[in-house]
Amino acid sequence: MAIDDKTRTELEAAVFRRLVEHLRARHDVQNIDLMNLAGFCRNCLSNWMKEEADAKGLAGRPSTACPMRPGSRPIRARPAPSNSRR
């Protein structure tokens, strides 16, 4: 079955969103696990998203350090700690 480019892009986007949801839900999967087994981490996914946005001239968020390579905002399993005290 042949898939047109628009459908392929929609499918790839849906798969990416599911991957991000899965990683956010799996608190037991650590970046080091992904790095050792797959050669990328949660932050790499964010790097790739930012690089693609930059290539299209879209304004992106500031980057944060990635253990694999410098880069972007992490895809966290847990919410980021708040800097404010309550």
PDB file of N, CA and C in Angstrom:
ATOM      1  N   MET A   1       0.841  -1.181   0.000  1.00  0.00           N
ATOM      2  CA  MET A   1       0.000   0.000   0.000  1.00  0.00           C
ATOM      3  C   MET A   1       0.885   1.243   0.000  1.00  0.00           C
ATOM      4  N   ALA A   2       0.685   2.091  -0.956  1.00  0.00           N
ATOM      5  CA  ALA A   2       1.441   3.342  -1.047  1.00  0.00           C
ATOM      6  C   ALA A   2       0.783   4.404  -0.169  1.00  0.00           C
ATOM      7  N   ILE A   3       1.621   5.195   0.492  1.00  0.00           N
ATOM      8  CA  ILE A   3       1.132   6.263   1.354  1.00  0.00           C
ATOM      9  C   ILE A   3       1.638   7.589   0.799  1.00  0.00           C
ATOM     10  N   ASP A   4       0.725   8.539   0.669  1.00  0.00           N
ATOM     11  CA  ASP A   4       1.140   9.854   0.173  1.00  0.00           C
ATOM     12  C   ASP A   4       1.918  10.590   1.264  1.00  0.00           C
ATOM     13  N   ASP A   5       2.648  11.620   0.858  1.00  0.00           N
ATOM     14  CA  ASP A   5       3.521  12.350   1.786  1.00  0.00           C
ATOM     15  C   ASP A   5       2.767  12.970   2.953  1.00  0.00           C
ATOM     16  N   LYS A   6       1.593  13.536   2.712  1.00  0.00           N
ATOM     17  CA  LYS A   6       0.813  14.167   3.779  1.00  0.00           C
ATOM     18  C   LYS A   6       0.409  13.129   4.830  1.00  0.00           C
ATOM     19  N   THR A   7      -0.078  11.970   4.373  1.00  0.00           N
ATOM     20  CA  THR A   7      -0.482  10.906   5.296  1.00  0.00           C
ATOM     21  C   THR A   7       0.714  10.384   6.076  1.00  0.00           C
ATOM     22  N   ARG A   8       1.845  10.197   5.385  1.00  0.00           N
ATOM     23  CA  ARG A   8       3.065   9.724   6.055  1.00  0.00           C
ATOM     24  C   ARG A   8       3.478  10.706   7.158  1.00  0.00           C
ATOM     25  N   THR A   9       3.442  11.999   6.867  1.00  0.00           N
ATOM     26  CA  THR A   9       3.803  13.023   7.856  1.00  0.00           C
ATOM     27  C   THR A   9       2.849  12.979   9.045  1.00  0.00           C
ATOM     28  N   GLU A  10       1.556  12.817   8.783  1.00  0.00           N
ATOM     29  CA  GLU A  10       0.575  12.734   9.866  1.00  0.00           C
ATOM     30  C   GLU A  10       0.817  11.506  10.736  1.00  0.00           C
ATOM     31  N   LEU A  11       1.125  10.387  10.110  1.00  0.00           N
ATOM     32  CA  LEU A  11       1.417   9.162  10.864  1.00  0.00           C
ATOM     33  C   LEU A  11       2.682   9.317  11.704  1.00  0.00           C
ATOM     34  N   GLU A  12       3.730   9.881  11.101  1.00  0.00           N
ATOM     35  CA  GLU A  12       4.978  10.082  11.835  1.00  0.00           C
ATOM     36  C   GLU A  12       4.768  11.018  13.019  1.00  0.00           C
ATOM     37  N   ALA A  13       3.983  12.071  12.833  1.00  0.00           N
ATOM     38  CA  ALA A  13       3.701  13.002  13.923  1.00  0.00           C
ATOM     39  C   ALA A  13       2.933  12.307  15.038  1.00  0.00           C
ATOM     40  N   ALA A  14       1.972  11.477  14.682  1.00  0.00           N
ATOM     41  CA  ALA A  14       1.197  10.749  15.694  1.00  0.00           C
ATOM     42  C   ALA A  14       2.086   9.781  16.469  1.00  0.00           C
ATOM     43  N   VAL A  15       2.978   9.101  15.775  1.00  0.00           N
ATOM     44  CA  VAL A  15       3.895   8.174  16.436  1.00  0.00           C
ATOM     45  C   VAL A  15       4.821   8.932  17.382  1.00  0.00           C
ATOM     46  N   PHE A  16       5.324  10.077  16.949  1.00  0.00           N
ATOM     47  CA  PHE A  16       6.189  10.883  17.805  1.00  0.00           C
ATOM     48  C   PHE A  16       5.441  11.314  19.072  1.00  0.00           C
ATOM     49  N   ARG A  17       4.203  11.777  18.915  1.00  0.00           N
ATOM     50  CA  ARG A  17       3.423  12.189  20.091  1.00  0.00           C
ATOM     51  C   ARG A  17       3.211  11.020  21.043  1.00  0.00           C
ATOM     52  N   ARG A  18       2.961   9.835  20.505  1.00  0.00           N
ATOM     53  CA  ARG A  18       2.796   8.652  21.365  1.00  0.00           C
ATOM     54  C   ARG A  18       4.096   8.307  22.082  1.00  0.00           C
ATOM     55  N   LEU A  19       5.223   8.416  21.393  1.00  0.00           N
ATOM     56  CA  LEU A  19       6.518   8.156  22.026  1.00  0.00           C
ATOM     57  C   LEU A  19       6.748   9.119  23.182  1.00  0.00           C
ATOM     58  N   VAL A  20       6.480  10.408  22.960  1.00  0.00           N
ATOM     59  CA  VAL A  20       6.666  11.406  24.013  1.00  0.00           C
ATOM     60  C   VAL A  20       5.745  11.095  25.190  1.00  0.00           C
ATOM     61  N   GLU A  21       4.480  10.786  24.924  1.00  0.00           N
ATOM     62  CA  GLU A  21       3.541  10.437  26.002  1.00  0.00           C
ATOM     63  C   GLU A  21       4.044   9.216  26.772  1.00  0.00           C
ATOM     64  N   HIS A  22       4.520   8.227  26.048  1.00  0.00           N
ATOM     65  CA  HIS A  22       5.019   7.003  26.676  1.00  0.00           C
ATOM     66  C   HIS A  22       6.207   7.304  27.593  1.00  0.00           C
ATOM     67  N   LEU A  23       7.152   8.100  27.113  1.00  0.00           N
ATOM     68  CA  LEU A  23       8.324   8.426  27.933  1.00  0.00           C
ATOM     69  C   LEU A  23       7.936   9.255  29.154  1.00  0.00           C
ATOM     70  N   ARG A  24       6.971  10.135  29.009  1.00  0.00           N
ATOM     71  CA  ARG A  24       6.514  10.927  30.153  1.00  0.00           C
ATOM     72  C   ARG A  24       5.812  10.061  31.185  1.00  0.00           C
ATOM     73  N   ALA A  25       5.143   9.022  30.739  1.00  0.00           N
ATOM     74  CA  ALA A  25       4.417   8.135  31.651  1.00  0.00           C
ATOM     75  C   ALA A  25       5.328   7.110  32.323  1.00  0.00           C
ATOM     76  N   ARG A  26       6.443   6.775  31.689  1.00  0.00           N
ATOM     77  CA  ARG A  26       7.344   5.740  32.211  1.00  0.00           C
ATOM     78  C   ARG A  26       8.431   6.368  33.070  1.00  0.00           C
ATOM     79  N   HIS A  27       8.112   6.615  34.304  1.00  0.00           N
ATOM     80  CA  HIS A  27       9.056   7.228  35.235  1.00  0.00           C
ATOM     81  C   HIS A  27      10.256   6.320  35.504  1.00  0.00           C
ATOM     82  N   ASP A  28      10.087   5.026  35.271  1.00  0.00           N
ATOM     83  CA  ASP A  28      11.165   4.080  35.546  1.00  0.00           C
ATOM     84  C   ASP A  28      12.231   4.060  34.454  1.00  0.00           C
ATOM     85  N   VAL A  29      11.939   4.613  33.291  1.00  0.00           N
ATOM     86  CA  VAL A  29      12.915   4.640  32.203  1.00  0.00           C
ATOM     87  C   VAL A  29      13.748   5.913  32.336  1.00  0.00           C
ATOM     88  N   GLN A  30      15.006   5.748  32.600  1.00  0.00           N
ATOM     89  CA  GLN A  30      15.907   6.875  32.812  1.00  0.00           C
ATOM     90  C   GLN A  30      16.644   7.215  31.520  1.00  0.00           C
ATOM     91  N   ASN A  31      17.125   8.454  31.430  1.00  0.00           N
ATOM     92  CA  ASN A  31      17.900   8.864  30.264  1.00  0.00           C
ATOM     93  C   ASN A  31      19.071   7.926  30.018  1.00  0.00           C
ATOM     94  N   ILE A  32      19.731   7.486  31.078  1.00  0.00           N
ATOM     95  CA  ILE A  32      20.901   6.623  30.915  1.00  0.00           C
ATOM     96  C   ILE A  32      20.504   5.305  30.247  1.00  0.00           C
ATOM     97  N   ASP A  33      19.293   4.807  30.551  1.00  0.00           N
ATOM     98  CA  ASP A  33      18.811   3.587  29.905  1.00  0.00           C
ATOM     99  C   ASP A  33      18.670   3.797  28.407  1.00  0.00           C
ATOM    100  N   LEU A  34      18.045   4.906  28.022  1.00  0.00           N
ATOM    101  CA  LEU A  34      17.885   5.203  26.600  1.00  0.00           C
ATOM    102  C   LEU A  34      19.236   5.391  25.928  1.00  0.00           C
ATOM    103  N   MET A  35      20.131   6.106  26.585  1.00  0.00           N
ATOM    104  CA  MET A  35      21.446   6.357  25.992  1.00  0.00           C
ATOM    105  C   MET A  35      22.200   5.049  25.764  1.00  0.00           C
ATOM    106  N   ASN A  36      22.172   4.174  26.751  1.00  0.00           N
ATOM    107  CA  ASN A  36      22.905   2.914  26.636  1.00  0.00           C
ATOM    108  C   ASN A  36      22.293   1.970  25.607  1.00  0.00           C
ATOM    109  N   LEU A  37      20.972   1.908  25.561  1.00  0.00           N
ATOM    110  CA  LEU A  37      20.311   0.948  24.683  1.00  0.00           C
ATOM    111  C   LEU A  37      20.031   1.480  23.280  1.00  0.00           C
ATOM    112  N   ALA A  38      19.657   2.752  23.191  1.00  0.00           N
ATOM    113  CA  ALA A  38      19.202   3.275  21.903  1.00  0.00           C
ATOM    114  C   ALA A  38      20.119   4.337  21.311  1.00  0.00           C
ATOM    115  N   GLY A  39      21.055   4.852  22.101  1.00  0.00           N
ATOM    116  CA  GLY A  39      21.964   5.865  21.585  1.00  0.00           C
ATOM    117  C   GLY A  39      21.377   7.264  21.541  1.00  0.00           C
ATOM    118  N   PHE A  40      20.237   7.451  22.203  1.00  0.00           N
ATOM    119  CA  PHE A  40      19.659   8.791  22.323  1.00  0.00           C
ATOM    120  C   PHE A  40      18.931   8.871  23.657  1.00  0.00           C
ATOM    121  N   CYS A  41      18.608  10.084  24.070  1.00  0.00           N
ATOM    122  CA  CYS A  41      17.872  10.258  25.324  1.00  0.00           C
ATOM    123  C   CYS A  41      16.676  11.167  25.094  1.00  0.00           C
ATOM    124  N   ARG A  42      15.920  11.409  26.140  1.00  0.00           N
ATOM    125  CA  ARG A  42      14.750  12.286  26.045  1.00  0.00           C
ATOM    126  C   ARG A  42      15.143  13.660  25.502  1.00  0.00           C
ATOM    127  N   ASN A  43      16.281  14.143  25.950  1.00  0.00           N
ATOM    128  CA  ASN A  43      16.724  15.474  25.521  1.00  0.00           C
ATOM    129  C   ASN A  43      17.078  15.492  24.040  1.00  0.00           C
ATOM    130  N   CYS A  44      17.579  14.377  23.516  1.00  0.00           N
ATOM    131  CA  CYS A  44      17.883  14.306  22.084  1.00  0.00           C
ATOM    132  C   CYS A  44      16.615  14.516  21.262  1.00  0.00           C
ATOM    133  N   LEU A  45      15.501  13.944  21.705  1.00  0.00           N
ATOM    134  CA  LEU A  45      14.246  14.139  20.985  1.00  0.00           C
ATOM    135  C   LEU A  45      13.903  15.622  20.921  1.00  0.00           C
ATOM    136  N   SER A  46      14.091  16.306  22.020  1.00  0.00           N
ATOM    137  CA  SER A  46      13.829  17.743  22.044  1.00  0.00           C
ATOM    138  C   SER A  46      14.810  18.483  21.144  1.00  0.00           C
ATOM    139  N   ASN A  47      16.067  18.056  21.159  1.00  0.00           N
ATOM    140  CA  ASN A  47      17.067  18.661  20.265  1.00  0.00           C
ATOM    141  C   ASN A  47      16.623  18.557  18.817  1.00  0.00           C
ATOM    142  N   TRP A  48      16.195  17.374  18.432  1.00  0.00           N
ATOM    143  CA  TRP A  48      15.810  17.154  17.052  1.00  0.00           C
ATOM    144  C   TRP A  48      14.611  18.020  16.686  1.00  0.00           C
ATOM    145  N   MET A  49      13.658  18.158  17.598  1.00  0.00           N
ATOM    146  CA  MET A  49      12.496  19.003  17.348  1.00  0.00           C
ATOM    147  C   MET A  49      12.935  20.455  17.159  1.00  0.00           C
ATOM    148  N   LYS A  50      13.824  20.927  18.037  1.00  0.00           N
ATOM    149  CA  LYS A  50      14.286  22.310  17.958  1.00  0.00           C
ATOM    150  C   LYS A  50      15.075  22.542  16.665  1.00  0.00           C
ATOM    151  N   GLU A  51      15.931  21.597  16.292  1.00  0.00           N
ATOM    152  CA  GLU A  51      16.714  21.732  15.068  1.00  0.00           C
ATOM    153  C   GLU A  51      15.801  21.827  13.840  1.00  0.00           C
ATOM    154  N   GLU A  52      14.763  21.025  13.807  1.00  0.00           N
ATOM    155  CA  GLU A  52      13.825  21.067  12.682  1.00  0.00           C
ATOM    156  C   GLU A  52      13.065  22.390  12.663  1.00  0.00           C
ATOM    157  N   ALA A  53      12.663  22.870  13.843  1.00  0.00           N
ATOM    158  CA  ALA A  53      11.981  24.168  13.918  1.00  0.00           C
ATOM    159  C   ALA A  53      12.918  25.283  13.468  1.00  0.00           C
ATOM    160  N   ASP A  54      14.171  25.238  13.915  1.00  0.00           N
ATOM    161  CA  ASP A  54      15.161  26.243  13.502  1.00  0.00           C
ATOM    162  C   ASP A  54      15.366  26.217  11.988  1.00  0.00           C
ATOM    163  N   ALA A  55      15.411  25.022  11.404  1.00  0.00           N
ATOM    164  CA  ALA A  55      15.616  24.886   9.963  1.00  0.00           C
ATOM    165  C   ALA A  55      14.461  25.505   9.173  1.00  0.00           C
ATOM    166  N   LYS A  56      13.281  25.545   9.797  1.00  0.00           N
ATOM    167  CA  LYS A  56      12.117  26.152   9.148  1.00  0.00           C
ATOM    168  C   LYS A  56      11.934  27.608   9.546  1.00  0.00           C
ATOM    169  N   GLY A  57      12.881  28.144  10.331  1.00  0.00           N
ATOM    170  CA  GLY A  57      12.821  29.540  10.735  1.00  0.00           C
ATOM    171  C   GLY A  57      11.804  29.835  11.817  1.00  0.00           C
ATOM    172  N   LEU A  58      11.394  28.823  12.556  1.00  0.00           N
ATOM    173  CA  LEU A  58      10.432  29.010  13.639  1.00  0.00           C
ATOM    174  C   LEU A  58      11.170  29.370  14.921  1.00  0.00           C
ATOM    175  N   ALA A  59      10.602  30.272  15.689  1.00  0.00           N
ATOM    176  CA  ALA A  59      11.219  30.651  16.963  1.00  0.00           C
ATOM    177  C   ALA A  59      11.110  29.477  17.918  1.00  0.00           C
ATOM    178  N   GLY A  60      12.219  29.147  18.548  1.00  0.00           N
ATOM    179  CA  GLY A  60      12.224  28.035  19.483  1.00  0.00           C
ATOM    180  C   GLY A  60      12.507  28.484  20.895  1.00  0.00           C
ATOM    181  N   ARG A  61      12.428  27.541  21.796  1.00  0.00           N
ATOM    182  CA  ARG A  61      12.750  27.810  23.191  1.00  0.00           C
ATOM    183  C   ARG A  61      14.252  27.719  23.397  1.00  0.00           C
ATOM    184  N   PRO A  62      14.736  28.341  24.461  1.00  0.00           N
ATOM    185  CA  PRO A  62      16.169  28.214  24.760  1.00  0.00           C
ATOM    186  C   PRO A  62      16.539  26.757  25.021  1.00  0.00           C
ATOM    187  N   SER A  63      17.754  26.410  24.693  1.00  0.00           N
ATOM    188  CA  SER A  63      18.229  25.043  24.878  1.00  0.00           C
ATOM    189  C   SER A  63      18.703  24.778  26.288  1.00  0.00           C
ATOM    190  N   THR A  64      18.712  23.493  26.649  1.00  0.00           N
ATOM    191  CA  THR A  64      19.313  23.043  27.902  1.00  0.00           C
ATOM    192  C   THR A  64      20.283  21.923  27.569  1.00  0.00           C
ATOM    193  N   ALA A  65      21.151  21.616  28.491  1.00  0.00           N
ATOM    194  CA  ALA A  65      22.185  20.619  28.239  1.00  0.00           C
ATOM    195  C   ALA A  65      21.592  19.225  28.098  1.00  0.00           C
ATOM    196  N   CYS A  66      22.171  18.458  27.206  1.00  0.00           N
ATOM    197  CA  CYS A  66      21.809  17.060  26.995  1.00  0.00           C
ATOM    198  C   CYS A  66      23.049  16.222  27.279  1.00  0.00           C
ATOM    199  N   PRO A  67      22.900  15.109  27.974  1.00  0.00           N
ATOM    200  CA  PRO A  67      24.068  14.269  28.247  1.00  0.00           C
ATOM    201  C   PRO A  67      24.746  13.763  26.978  1.00  0.00           C
ATOM    202  N   MET A  68      23.981  13.567  25.900  1.00  0.00           N
ATOM    203  CA  MET A  68      24.552  13.047  24.657  1.00  0.00           C
ATOM    204  C   MET A  68      25.174  14.160  23.823  1.00  0.00           C
ATOM    205  N   ARG A  69      24.529  15.315  23.780  1.00  0.00           N
ATOM    206  CA  ARG A  69      25.034  16.459  23.036  1.00  0.00           C
ATOM    207  C   ARG A  69      24.292  17.697  23.502  1.00  0.00           C
ATOM    208  N   PRO A  70      24.913  18.850  23.451  1.00  0.00           N
ATOM    209  CA  PRO A  70      24.257  20.057  23.938  1.00  0.00           C
ATOM    210  C   PRO A  70      22.986  20.326  23.153  1.00  0.00           C
ATOM    211  N   GLY A  71      22.007  20.912  23.839  1.00  0.00           N
ATOM    212  CA  GLY A  71      20.838  21.129  23.041  1.00  0.00           C
ATOM    213  C   GLY A  71      19.622  21.741  23.626  1.00  0.00           C
ATOM    214  N   SER A  72      18.591  20.982  23.821  1.00  0.00           N
ATOM    215  CA  SER A  72      17.278  21.574  23.960  1.00  0.00           C
ATOM    216  C   SER A  72      16.573  21.260  25.261  1.00  0.00           C
ATOM    217  N   ARG A  73      15.320  21.658  25.267  1.00  0.00           N
ATOM    218  CA  ARG A  73      14.443  21.453  26.405  1.00  0.00           C
ATOM    219  C   ARG A  73      14.162  19.967  26.568  1.00  0.00           C
ATOM    220  N   PRO A  74      14.306  19.425  27.752  1.00  0.00           N
ATOM    221  CA  PRO A  74      14.105  17.993  27.938  1.00  0.00           C
ATOM    222  C   PRO A  74      12.649  17.569  27.859  1.00  0.00           C
ATOM    223  N   ILE A  75      12.417  16.341  27.444  1.00  0.00           N
ATOM    224  CA  ILE A  75      11.106  15.712  27.540  1.00  0.00           C
ATOM    225  C   ILE A  75      11.144  14.951  28.845  1.00  0.00           C
ATOM    226  N   ARG A  76      10.536  15.513  29.861  1.00  0.00           N
ATOM    227  CA  ARG A  76      10.684  14.995  31.216  1.00  0.00           C
ATOM    228  C   ARG A  76       9.654  13.924  31.546  1.00  0.00           C
ATOM    229  N   ALA A  77      10.073  13.002  32.396  1.00  0.00           N
ATOM    230  CA  ALA A  77       9.152  12.012  32.924  1.00  0.00           C
ATOM    231  C   ALA A  77       8.329  12.623  34.051  1.00  0.00           C
ATOM    232  N   ARG A  78       8.878  13.597  34.711  1.00  0.00           N
ATOM    233  CA  ARG A  78       8.201  14.285  35.812  1.00  0.00           C
ATOM    234  C   ARG A  78       8.264  15.780  35.545  1.00  0.00           C
ATOM    235  N   PRO A  79       7.335  16.541  36.120  1.00  0.00           N
ATOM    236  CA  PRO A  79       7.413  17.985  35.945  1.00  0.00           C
ATOM    237  C   PRO A  79       8.738  18.539  36.476  1.00  0.00           C
ATOM    238  N   ALA A  80       9.219  19.566  35.826  1.00  0.00           N
ATOM    239  CA  ALA A  80      10.453  20.214  36.269  1.00  0.00           C
ATOM    240  C   ALA A  80      10.222  20.846  37.620  1.00  0.00           C
ATOM    241  N   PRO A  81      11.223  20.831  38.513  1.00  0.00           N
ATOM    242  CA  PRO A  81      11.054  21.474  39.814  1.00  0.00           C
ATOM    243  C   PRO A  81      10.851  22.972  39.660  1.00  0.00           C
ATOM    244  N   SER A  82      10.006  23.501  40.499  1.00  0.00           N
ATOM    245  CA  SER A  82       9.732  24.924  40.460  1.00  0.00           C
ATOM    246  C   SER A  82      10.868  25.692  41.126  1.00  0.00           C
ATOM    247  N   ASN A  83      11.212  26.856  40.560  1.00  0.00           N
ATOM    248  CA  ASN A  83      12.255  27.689  41.132  1.00  0.00           C
ATOM    249  C   ASN A  83      11.734  28.562  42.256  1.00  0.00           C
ATOM    250  N   SER A  84      10.408  28.671  42.351  1.00  0.00           N
ATOM    251  CA  SER A  84       9.836  29.529  43.386  1.00  0.00           C
ATOM    252  C   SER A  84       9.499  28.716  44.631  1.00  0.00           C
ATOM    253  N   ARG A  85       9.620  29.346  45.758  1.00  0.00           N
ATOM    254  CA  ARG A  85       9.261  28.696  47.029  1.00  0.00           C
ATOM    255  C   ARG A  85       7.907  29.193  47.446  1.00  0.00           C
ATOM    256  N   ARG A  86       7.095  28.292  47.978  1.00  0.00           N
ATOM    257  CA  ARG A  86       5.758  28.682  48.404  1.00  0.00           C
ATOM    258  C   ARG A  86       5.610  28.572  49.875  1.00  0.00           C
TER     259      ARG A  86
END
